[in-house]
Amino acid sequence: MRGLTIQRFNDFPHHFPFLICTAAATLGTAHSLSTDISIIVPVYNEQENILPLVREVGTAMANLNGRYELVLVDDCSNDQTWQRVTEVSRADRRIRGLRHSRNCGQSAALWTGFLATTNPIIATLDGDLQNDAADLPQMIEQLDKADFISGTRAKRAGAWVRRISSKIARAARRAVLGVDIHDSGCAIRVFRRSTLAVVFPFNGLHRFMPILVSSAGFKVLQIPVNHRPRTAGVSKYGVGNRLWRGIFDLFAIAWFQKRQLKPVDVTSTEDA
C-alpha cells in the first residue's frame, strides 16, 4: 500500500491545490509526545554525507524518550547516494531508504516521506550536513509550546549572495502574505503530523510550510539553530531557483491564503 501511495504522488501534477482534501484524509492526526518520531531527509547526490548524517542523527536522538525512524528519500541521484542509503538501512533497522524513479525536487521528496510514514511527530532536515542534527532534541522539547517548530539560521553560513537573497525574500513574504517567518527556507523543523492537513503537495512546498501552517491557525515557534558550511558535495540551489522562483510563488500562496478553509469548531448532537 505504501508503494502504491508513493507512486501515485510521483504521478501528481504538483501544483494542484485541490489535493489538500486528499492530504488531510491521508496523513492522519496528532498524538502525544510520548509516541514515536519520523525524521525525513531528502537527499540528491550526497554520497559523501550519508554516513556522517546517520551518525549525527543517532547521536542526537540517543538520549531521547521514544523510538525514531530515519527516512532517507533519494531524489533519483546519479552518484553513489542510493548505494550508501541501502548500506546504512541494512545495518540499522531504524533507517529506511526510499528512491524516486525520476528527479522531482526537494518538495516532492519531503511529501514522499510524509506519505510513507505514520508517526505523530515529524522532523525534517537537509542531507548536506549544513543543518545540525544536534538541534533536534531542543526542538522536540518545544512541541509542548507549539504545533510547528521552525529553525532560524541566526548565523548563516554560505555565500553572501544567498544571505542577501534570503533577506529580500523574507521582506517580500512579509509584505505580500502578512506572515513574518524569519527563515522560511530553513530545512530543520519539528512538527505535529496534524499540521500537514493544511498543506498540499506542490513544487516549492518546502519554502512555505511554516507560512501555510501559521496562516491556518496552528501555532508556529521559531528558534535559532546552528548552520554550518557545506564540506562535501555541491549545492543544488542558486539565485535563479531560490530567490526569483520563491517570489513568483508568493502570488499563488497569497491567493490560497484568501481562499483557505480555516479550522472550525464543530458541535455534534452526540455531545448534547
C-alpha atoms as a PDB file:
ATOM      1  CA  MET A   1       0.000   0.000   0.000  1.00  0.00           C
ATOM      2  CA  ARG A   2       2.818   2.418   0.809  1.00  0.00           C
ATOM      3  CA  GLY A   3       4.475   1.761  -2.537  1.00  0.00           C
ATOM      4  CA  LEU A   4       1.204   2.459  -4.326  1.00  0.00           C
ATOM      5  CA  THR A   5       0.713   5.714  -2.440  1.00  0.00           C
ATOM      6  CA  ILE A   6       4.203   6.964  -3.291  1.00  0.00           C
ATOM      7  CA  GLN A   7       3.812   6.031  -6.954  1.00  0.00           C
ATOM      8  CA  ARG A   8       0.545   7.950  -7.124  1.00  0.00           C
ATOM      9  CA  PHE A   9       2.253  11.008  -5.692  1.00  0.00           C
ATOM     10  CA  ASN A  10       5.032  10.823  -8.261  1.00  0.00           C
ATOM     11  CA  ASP A  11       2.345  10.964 -10.950  1.00  0.00           C
ATOM     12  CA  PHE A  12       0.626  14.006  -9.457  1.00  0.00           C
ATOM     13  CA  PRO A  13       0.857  17.448 -11.066  1.00  0.00           C
ATOM     14  CA  HIS A  14       2.470  19.057  -8.001  1.00  0.00           C
ATOM     15  CA  HIS A  15       0.842  22.434  -8.385  1.00  0.00           C
ATOM     16  CA  PHE A  16      -2.798  21.330  -7.930  1.00  0.00           C
ATOM     17  CA  PRO A  17      -4.024  22.854  -4.656  1.00  0.00           C
ATOM     18  CA  PHE A  18      -7.208  20.760  -4.565  1.00  0.00           C
ATOM     19  CA  LEU A  19      -5.069  17.885  -3.290  1.00  0.00           C
ATOM     20  CA  ILE A  20      -5.357  19.415   0.187  1.00  0.00           C
ATOM     21  CA  CYS A  21      -8.502  17.320   0.762  1.00  0.00           C
ATOM     22  CA  THR A  22      -6.662  14.091  -0.084  1.00  0.00           C
ATOM     23  CA  ALA A  23      -3.739  15.166   2.086  1.00  0.00           C
ATOM     24  CA  ALA A  24      -5.928  15.850   5.093  1.00  0.00           C
ATOM     25  CA  ALA A  25      -7.612  12.466   4.813  1.00  0.00           C
ATOM     26  CA  THR A  26      -4.396  10.512   4.298  1.00  0.00           C
ATOM     27  CA  LEU A  27      -1.931  11.998   6.750  1.00  0.00           C
ATOM     28  CA  GLY A  28      -3.740  11.233   9.972  1.00  0.00           C
ATOM     29  CA  THR A  29      -3.928  13.035  13.303  1.00  0.00           C
ATOM     30  CA  ALA A  30      -1.615  14.027  16.124  1.00  0.00           C
ATOM     31  CA  HIS A  31      -0.834  12.039  19.249  1.00  0.00           C
ATOM     32  CA  SER A  32       1.052  12.812  22.450  1.00  0.00           C
ATOM     33  CA  LEU A  33       4.801  13.382  22.583  1.00  0.00           C
ATOM     34  CA  SER A  34       5.309  10.009  24.277  1.00  0.00           C
ATOM     35  CA  THR A  35       4.979   8.329  20.888  1.00  0.00           C
ATOM     36  CA  ASP A  36       7.421   7.957  18.014  1.00  0.00           C
ATOM     37  CA  ILE A  37       9.051  10.361  15.567  1.00  0.00           C
ATOM     38  CA  SER A  38       9.911  10.141  11.869  1.00  0.00           C
ATOM     39  CA  ILE A  39      12.968  12.084  10.689  1.00  0.00           C
ATOM     40  CA  ILE A  40      12.688  12.711   6.947  1.00  0.00           C
ATOM     41  CA  VAL A  41      15.747  13.768   4.948  1.00  0.00           C
ATOM     42  CA  PRO A  42      15.604  14.445   1.170  1.00  0.00           C
ATOM     43  CA  VAL A  43      18.949  13.699  -0.497  1.00  0.00           C
ATOM     44  CA  TYR A  44      20.253  14.228  -4.004  1.00  0.00           C
ATOM     45  CA  ASN A  45      23.851  13.444  -4.961  1.00  0.00           C
ATOM     46  CA  GLU A  46      25.012  13.447  -1.337  1.00  0.00           C
ATOM     47  CA  GLN A  47      27.108  10.259  -1.334  1.00  0.00           C
ATOM     48  CA  GLU A  48      29.800  11.711   0.953  1.00  0.00           C
ATOM     49  CA  ASN A  49      27.270  12.928   3.513  1.00  0.00           C
ATOM     50  CA  ILE A  50      25.081   9.863   4.106  1.00  0.00           C
ATOM     51  CA  LEU A  51      27.290   8.120   6.687  1.00  0.00           C
ATOM     52  CA  PRO A  52      28.101  11.295   8.695  1.00  0.00           C
ATOM     53  CA  LEU A  53      24.401  12.230   8.632  1.00  0.00           C
ATOM     54  CA  VAL A  54      23.346   8.855  10.026  1.00  0.00           C
ATOM     55  CA  ARG A  55      25.940   9.100  12.806  1.00  0.00           C
ATOM     56  CA  GLU A  56      24.873  12.643  13.744  1.00  0.00           C
ATOM     57  CA  VAL A  57      21.192  11.734  13.896  1.00  0.00           C
ATOM     58  CA  GLY A  58      21.953   8.650  16.003  1.00  0.00           C
ATOM     59  CA  THR A  59      23.981  10.711  18.466  1.00  0.00           C
ATOM     60  CA  ALA A  60      21.348  13.448  18.688  1.00  0.00           C
ATOM     61  CA  MET A  61      18.495  11.009  19.330  1.00  0.00           C
ATOM     62  CA  ALA A  62      20.352   8.645  21.667  1.00  0.00           C
ATOM     63  CA  ASN A  63      19.040  10.110  24.933  1.00  0.00           C
ATOM     64  CA  LEU A  64      15.502  10.944  23.827  1.00  0.00           C
ATOM     65  CA  ASN A  65      12.472   9.055  25.090  1.00  0.00           C
ATOM     66  CA  GLY A  66      10.597   7.071  22.475  1.00  0.00           C
ATOM     67  CA  ARG A  67      11.735   5.492  19.252  1.00  0.00           C
ATOM     68  CA  TYR A  68      12.644   7.176  15.997  1.00  0.00           C
ATOM     69  CA  GLU A  69      13.000   6.229  12.369  1.00  0.00           C
ATOM     70  CA  LEU A  70      15.264   7.939   9.852  1.00  0.00           C
ATOM     71  CA  VAL A  71      13.782   8.046   6.347  1.00  0.00           C
ATOM     72  CA  LEU A  72      16.238   8.987   3.592  1.00  0.00           C
ATOM     73  CA  VAL A  73      14.452   9.928   0.363  1.00  0.00           C
ATOM     74  CA  ASP A  74      16.796   9.784  -2.613  1.00  0.00           C
ATOM     75  CA  ASP A  75      15.535  12.054  -5.382  1.00  0.00           C
ATOM     76  CA  CYS A  76      16.986   9.883  -8.176  1.00  0.00           C
ATOM     77  CA  SER A  77      20.659  10.663  -7.532  1.00  0.00           C
ATOM     78  CA  ASN A  78      23.163   9.856 -10.264  1.00  0.00           C
ATOM     79  CA  ASP A  79      26.102   9.187  -7.931  1.00  0.00           C
ATOM     80  CA  GLN A  80      26.528   6.552  -5.180  1.00  0.00           C
ATOM     81  CA  THR A  81      23.923   8.058  -2.849  1.00  0.00           C
ATOM     82  CA  TRP A  82      21.410   5.222  -3.200  1.00  0.00           C
ATOM     83  CA  GLN A  83      24.106   2.617  -2.586  1.00  0.00           C
ATOM     84  CA  ARG A  84      25.066   4.411   0.638  1.00  0.00           C
ATOM     85  CA  VAL A  85      21.419   4.620   1.693  1.00  0.00           C
ATOM     86  CA  THR A  86      20.984   0.910   1.041  1.00  0.00           C
ATOM     87  CA  GLU A  87      24.058   0.090   3.116  1.00  0.00           C
ATOM     88  CA  VAL A  88      23.008   2.092   6.169  1.00  0.00           C
ATOM     89  CA  SER A  89      19.442   0.771   6.031  1.00  0.00           C
ATOM     90  CA  ARG A  90      20.744  -2.800   6.097  1.00  0.00           C
ATOM     91  CA  ALA A  91      22.981  -2.014   9.059  1.00  0.00           C
ATOM     92  CA  ASP A  92      20.310  -0.258  11.161  1.00  0.00           C
ATOM     93  CA  ARG A  93      16.625  -1.214  11.221  1.00  0.00           C
ATOM     94  CA  ARG A  94      15.685   2.315  12.268  1.00  0.00           C
ATOM     95  CA  ILE A  95      16.768   3.588   8.844  1.00  0.00           C
ATOM     96  CA  ARG A  96      14.646   3.333   5.712  1.00  0.00           C
ATOM     97  CA  GLY A  97      15.510   4.348   2.186  1.00  0.00           C
ATOM     98  CA  LEU A  98      13.061   5.481  -0.498  1.00  0.00           C
ATOM     99  CA  ARG A  99      14.084   6.330  -4.038  1.00  0.00           C
ATOM    100  CA  HIS A 100      12.285   8.342  -6.700  1.00  0.00           C
ATOM    101  CA  SER A 101      12.243   6.861 -10.195  1.00  0.00           C
ATOM    102  CA  ARG A 102      12.898  10.342 -11.562  1.00  0.00           C
ATOM    103  CA  ASN A 103      14.189  13.619 -10.176  1.00  0.00           C
ATOM    104  CA  CYS A 104      11.225  15.528  -8.718  1.00  0.00           C
ATOM    105  CA  GLY A 105      12.758  18.101  -6.381  1.00  0.00           C
ATOM    106  CA  GLN A 106      13.044  18.656  -2.642  1.00  0.00           C
ATOM    107  CA  SER A 107       9.350  19.302  -2.036  1.00  0.00           C
ATOM    108  CA  ALA A 108       8.365  16.054  -3.736  1.00  0.00           C
ATOM    109  CA  ALA A 109      10.943  14.138  -1.701  1.00  0.00           C
ATOM    110  CA  LEU A 110       9.536  15.567   1.515  1.00  0.00           C
ATOM    111  CA  TRP A 111       5.990  14.661   0.527  1.00  0.00           C
ATOM    112  CA  THR A 112       7.051  11.129  -0.339  1.00  0.00           C
ATOM    113  CA  GLY A 113       8.452  10.883   3.186  1.00  0.00           C
ATOM    114  CA  PHE A 114       5.239  12.260   4.687  1.00  0.00           C
ATOM    115  CA  LEU A 115       3.104   9.708   2.872  1.00  0.00           C
ATOM    116  CA  ALA A 116       5.431   6.821   3.708  1.00  0.00           C
ATOM    117  CA  THR A 117       5.356   7.433   7.483  1.00  0.00           C
ATOM    118  CA  THR A 118       2.698   7.311  10.183  1.00  0.00           C
ATOM    119  CA  ASN A 119       4.370   8.596  13.354  1.00  0.00           C
ATOM    120  CA  PRO A 120       2.590  11.546  15.018  1.00  0.00           C
ATOM    121  CA  ILE A 121       5.737  13.698  15.183  1.00  0.00           C
ATOM    122  CA  ILE A 122       7.822  14.566  12.109  1.00  0.00           C
ATOM    123  CA  ALA A 123      11.259  16.161  11.831  1.00  0.00           C
ATOM    124  CA  THR A 124      12.967  17.273   8.632  1.00  0.00           C
ATOM    125  CA  LEU A 125      16.467  18.425   7.759  1.00  0.00           C
ATOM    126  CA  ASP A 126      18.670  18.733   4.701  1.00  0.00           C
ATOM    127  CA  GLY A 127      21.062  15.967   3.742  1.00  0.00           C
ATOM    128  CA  ASP A 128      24.048  18.254   3.133  1.00  0.00           C
ATOM    129  CA  LEU A 129      25.081  18.443   6.838  1.00  0.00           C
ATOM    130  CA  GLN A 130      24.561  22.206   6.944  1.00  0.00           C
ATOM    131  CA  ASN A 131      21.713  21.617   9.384  1.00  0.00           C
ATOM    132  CA  ASP A 132      22.919  20.297  12.737  1.00  0.00           C
ATOM    133  CA  ALA A 133      21.042  17.222  13.949  1.00  0.00           C
ATOM    134  CA  ALA A 134      22.121  18.149  17.493  1.00  0.00           C
ATOM    135  CA  ASP A 135      19.394  20.835  17.390  1.00  0.00           C
ATOM    136  CA  LEU A 136      16.621  18.230  17.094  1.00  0.00           C
ATOM    137  CA  PRO A 137      16.231  17.376  20.833  1.00  0.00           C
ATOM    138  CA  GLN A 138      15.654  21.001  21.884  1.00  0.00           C
ATOM    139  CA  MET A 139      13.190  21.451  19.027  1.00  0.00           C
ATOM    140  CA  ILE A 140      11.267  18.320  20.017  1.00  0.00           C
ATOM    141  CA  GLU A 141      11.027  19.574  23.591  1.00  0.00           C
ATOM    142  CA  GLN A 142       9.436  22.804  22.348  1.00  0.00           C
ATOM    143  CA  LEU A 143       6.446  20.926  20.944  1.00  0.00           C
ATOM    144  CA  ASP A 144       4.694  21.326  24.285  1.00  0.00           C
ATOM    145  CA  LYS A 145       4.502  25.053  23.436  1.00  0.00           C
ATOM    146  CA  ALA A 146       3.603  24.982  19.744  1.00  0.00           C
ATOM    147  CA  ASP A 147       2.445  22.774  16.878  1.00  0.00           C
ATOM    148  CA  PHE A 148       5.289  23.575  14.482  1.00  0.00           C
ATOM    149  CA  ILE A 149       8.889  24.367  15.453  1.00  0.00           C
ATOM    150  CA  SER A 150      10.759  26.168  12.673  1.00  0.00           C
ATOM    151  CA  GLY A 151      14.521  26.627  12.743  1.00  0.00           C
ATOM    152  CA  THR A 152      16.090  30.032  12.155  1.00  0.00           C
ATOM    153  CA  ARG A 153      19.690  30.194  10.984  1.00  0.00           C
ATOM    154  CA  ALA A 154      20.912  33.023  13.222  1.00  0.00           C
ATOM    155  CA  LYS A 155      24.496  32.910  11.885  1.00  0.00           C
ATOM    156  CA  ARG A 156      24.014  31.595   8.413  1.00  0.00           C
ATOM    157  CA  ALA A 157      26.977  30.020   6.633  1.00  0.00           C
ATOM    158  CA  GLY A 158      27.430  30.314   2.881  1.00  0.00           C
ATOM    159  CA  ALA A 159      27.900  32.896   0.150  1.00  0.00           C
ATOM    160  CA  TRP A 160      26.831  36.479   0.782  1.00  0.00           C
ATOM    161  CA  VAL A 161      24.516  36.411  -2.245  1.00  0.00           C
ATOM    162  CA  ARG A 162      22.408  33.719  -0.553  1.00  0.00           C
ATOM    163  CA  ARG A 163      22.132  35.726   2.631  1.00  0.00           C
ATOM    164  CA  ILE A 164      21.071  38.818   0.715  1.00  0.00           C
ATOM    165  CA  SER A 165      18.536  36.895  -1.384  1.00  0.00           C
ATOM    166  CA  SER A 166      17.056  35.384   1.792  1.00  0.00           C
ATOM    167  CA  LYS A 167      16.586  38.843   3.323  1.00  0.00           C
ATOM    168  CA  ILE A 168      14.858  40.064   0.164  1.00  0.00           C
ATOM    169  CA  ALA A 169      12.616  37.002   0.091  1.00  0.00           C
ATOM    170  CA  ARG A 170      11.671  37.473   3.757  1.00  0.00           C
ATOM    171  CA  ALA A 171      10.709  41.093   3.173  1.00  0.00           C
ATOM    172  CA  ALA A 172       8.609  40.084   0.164  1.00  0.00           C
ATOM    173  CA  ARG A 173       6.841  37.332   2.128  1.00  0.00           C
ATOM    174  CA  ARG A 174       6.064  39.720   4.975  1.00  0.00           C
ATOM    175  CA  ALA A 175       4.662  42.345   2.598  1.00  0.00           C
ATOM    176  CA  VAL A 176       2.568  40.010   0.436  1.00  0.00           C
ATOM    177  CA  LEU A 177       1.481  37.306   2.876  1.00  0.00           C
ATOM    178  CA  GLY A 178       1.357  39.236   6.145  1.00  0.00           C
ATOM    179  CA  VAL A 179       3.256  36.465   7.952  1.00  0.00           C
ATOM    180  CA  ASP A 180       6.777  37.083   9.199  1.00  0.00           C
ATOM    181  CA  ILE A 181       8.671  33.796   9.278  1.00  0.00           C
ATOM    182  CA  HIS A 182      12.301  34.807   9.751  1.00  0.00           C
ATOM    183  CA  ASP A 183      13.813  31.920   7.810  1.00  0.00           C
ATOM    184  CA  SER A 184      11.118  30.102   5.873  1.00  0.00           C
ATOM    185  CA  GLY A 185      13.706  28.190   3.841  1.00  0.00           C
ATOM    186  CA  CYS A 186      15.451  26.633   6.839  1.00  0.00           C
ATOM    187  CA  ALA A 187      15.022  22.882   6.396  1.00  0.00           C
ATOM    188  CA  ILE A 188      15.350  21.762  10.018  1.00  0.00           C
ATOM    189  CA  ARG A 189      11.855  21.600  11.511  1.00  0.00           C
ATOM    190  CA  VAL A 190       9.878  19.547  14.004  1.00  0.00           C
ATOM    191  CA  PHE A 191       6.081  19.448  13.902  1.00  0.00           C
ATOM    192  CA  ARG A 192       2.944  17.509  14.646  1.00  0.00           C
ATOM    193  CA  ARG A 193       1.564  15.416  11.803  1.00  0.00           C
ATOM    194  CA  SER A 194      -1.805  17.116  12.243  1.00  0.00           C
ATOM    195  CA  THR A 195      -0.350  20.303  10.710  1.00  0.00           C
ATOM    196  CA  LEU A 196       0.022  18.536   7.361  1.00  0.00           C
ATOM    197  CA  ALA A 197      -3.746  18.629   6.946  1.00  0.00           C
ATOM    198  CA  VAL A 198      -3.478  22.291   5.885  1.00  0.00           C
ATOM    199  CA  VAL A 199      -0.656  21.941   3.349  1.00  0.00           C
ATOM    200  CA  PHE A 200      -0.645  20.358  -0.102  1.00  0.00           C
ATOM    201  CA  PRO A 201       1.980  18.953  -2.485  1.00  0.00           C
ATOM    202  CA  PHE A 202       3.450  21.492  -4.890  1.00  0.00           C
ATOM    203  CA  ASN A 203       6.901  22.322  -6.172  1.00  0.00           C
ATOM    204  CA  GLY A 204       8.078  24.846  -3.576  1.00  0.00           C
ATOM    205  CA  LEU A 205       6.243  23.482  -0.545  1.00  0.00           C
ATOM    206  CA  HIS A 206       9.486  23.207   1.437  1.00  0.00           C
ATOM    207  CA  ARG A 207       9.843  27.007   1.381  1.00  0.00           C
ATOM    208  CA  PHE A 208       6.303  27.789   2.524  1.00  0.00           C
ATOM    209  CA  MET A 209       5.374  25.105   5.062  1.00  0.00           C
ATOM    210  CA  PRO A 210       5.618  27.277   8.218  1.00  0.00           C
ATOM    211  CA  ILE A 211       3.708  30.074   6.482  1.00  0.00           C
ATOM    212  CA  LEU A 212       0.848  27.797   5.416  1.00  0.00           C
ATOM    213  CA  VAL A 213       0.674  26.205   8.860  1.00  0.00           C
ATOM    214  CA  SER A 214       0.672  29.573  10.617  1.00  0.00           C
ATOM    215  CA  SER A 215      -1.956  31.126   8.350  1.00  0.00           C
ATOM    216  CA  ALA A 216      -4.239  28.135   9.028  1.00  0.00           C
ATOM    217  CA  GLY A 217      -4.221  28.860  12.754  1.00  0.00           C
ATOM    218  CA  PHE A 218      -1.579  26.486  14.093  1.00  0.00           C
ATOM    219  CA  LYS A 219       0.995  27.902  16.480  1.00  0.00           C
ATOM    220  CA  VAL A 220       4.461  28.230  14.939  1.00  0.00           C
ATOM    221  CA  LEU A 221       7.503  28.773  17.142  1.00  0.00           C
ATOM    222  CA  GLN A 222      10.784  29.985  15.623  1.00  0.00           C
ATOM    223  CA  ILE A 223      14.002  29.121  17.420  1.00  0.00           C
ATOM    224  CA  PRO A 224      17.666  29.745  16.497  1.00  0.00           C
ATOM    225  CA  VAL A 225      19.609  26.765  15.165  1.00  0.00           C
ATOM    226  CA  ASN A 226      23.170  26.064  14.136  1.00  0.00           C
ATOM    227  CA  HIS A 227      24.138  26.354  10.477  1.00  0.00           C
ATOM    228  CA  ARG A 228      27.367  25.018   9.043  1.00  0.00           C
ATOM    229  CA  PRO A 229      29.200  25.450   5.739  1.00  0.00           C
ATOM    230  CA  ARG A 230      28.953  22.611   3.260  1.00  0.00           C
ATOM    231  CA  THR A 231      32.068  20.410   3.376  1.00  0.00           C
ATOM    232  CA  ALA A 232      31.172  17.789   0.736  1.00  0.00           C
ATOM    233  CA  GLY A 233      29.014  17.680  -2.359  1.00  0.00           C
ATOM    234  CA  VAL A 234      27.700  20.580  -4.410  1.00  0.00           C
ATOM    235  CA  SER A 235      24.826  22.938  -3.634  1.00  0.00           C
ATOM    236  CA  LYS A 236      21.740  22.392  -5.796  1.00  0.00           C
ATOM    237  CA  TYR A 237      20.458  25.964  -5.463  1.00  0.00           C
ATOM    238  CA  GLY A 238      21.378  29.359  -6.844  1.00  0.00           C
ATOM    239  CA  VAL A 239      19.767  32.777  -7.112  1.00  0.00           C
ATOM    240  CA  GLY A 240      17.586  31.690 -10.046  1.00  0.00           C
ATOM    241  CA  ASN A 241      15.911  28.763  -8.318  1.00  0.00           C
ATOM    242  CA  ARG A 242      15.823  30.285  -4.823  1.00  0.00           C
ATOM    243  CA  LEU A 243      15.026  33.981  -4.991  1.00  0.00           C
ATOM    244  CA  TRP A 244      13.073  34.525  -8.204  1.00  0.00           C
ATOM    245  CA  ARG A 245      11.032  31.326  -8.126  1.00  0.00           C
ATOM    246  CA  GLY A 246      10.259  31.881  -4.443  1.00  0.00           C
ATOM    247  CA  ILE A 247       8.984  35.389  -5.123  1.00  0.00           C
ATOM    248  CA  PHE A 248       6.904  34.128  -8.061  1.00  0.00           C
ATOM    249  CA  ASP A 249       5.299  31.541  -5.777  1.00  0.00           C
ATOM    250  CA  LEU A 250       4.235  34.299  -3.375  1.00  0.00           C
ATOM    251  CA  PHE A 251       1.320  35.245  -5.600  1.00  0.00           C
ATOM    252  CA  ALA A 252      -0.024  31.695  -5.657  1.00  0.00           C
ATOM    253  CA  ILE A 253       0.289  31.392  -1.874  1.00  0.00           C
ATOM    254  CA  ALA A 254      -1.390  34.781  -1.392  1.00  0.00           C
ATOM    255  CA  TRP A 255      -4.350  33.595  -3.473  1.00  0.00           C
ATOM    256  CA  PHE A 256      -4.547  30.374  -1.480  1.00  0.00           C
ATOM    257  CA  GLN A 257      -4.492  32.219   1.840  1.00  0.00           C
ATOM    258  CA  LYS A 258      -7.571  34.197   0.828  1.00  0.00           C
ATOM    259  CA  ARG A 259      -9.441  31.029  -0.211  1.00  0.00           C
ATOM    260  CA  GLN A 260      -8.126  28.727   2.502  1.00  0.00           C
ATOM    261  CA  LEU A 261     -10.673  26.911   4.677  1.00  0.00           C
ATOM    262  CA  LYS A 262      -9.721  27.649   8.262  1.00  0.00           C
ATOM    263  CA  PRO A 263     -10.246  25.127  11.094  1.00  0.00           C
ATOM    264  CA  VAL A 264     -13.655  25.488  12.765  1.00  0.00           C
ATOM    265  CA  ASP A 265     -15.112  24.070  15.971  1.00  0.00           C
ATOM    266  CA  VAL A 266     -17.983  21.665  15.354  1.00  0.00           C
ATOM    267  CA  THR A 267     -20.795  20.730  17.736  1.00  0.00           C
ATOM    268  CA  SER A 268     -22.395  17.304  17.408  1.00  0.00           C
ATOM    269  CA  THR A 269     -25.833  16.160  18.552  1.00  0.00           C
ATOM    270  CA  GLU A 270     -23.988  13.281  20.237  1.00  0.00           C
ATOM    271  CA  ASP A 271     -22.418  15.802  22.614  1.00  0.00           C
ATOM    272  CA  ALA A 272     -25.766  17.192  23.740  1.00  0.00           C
END
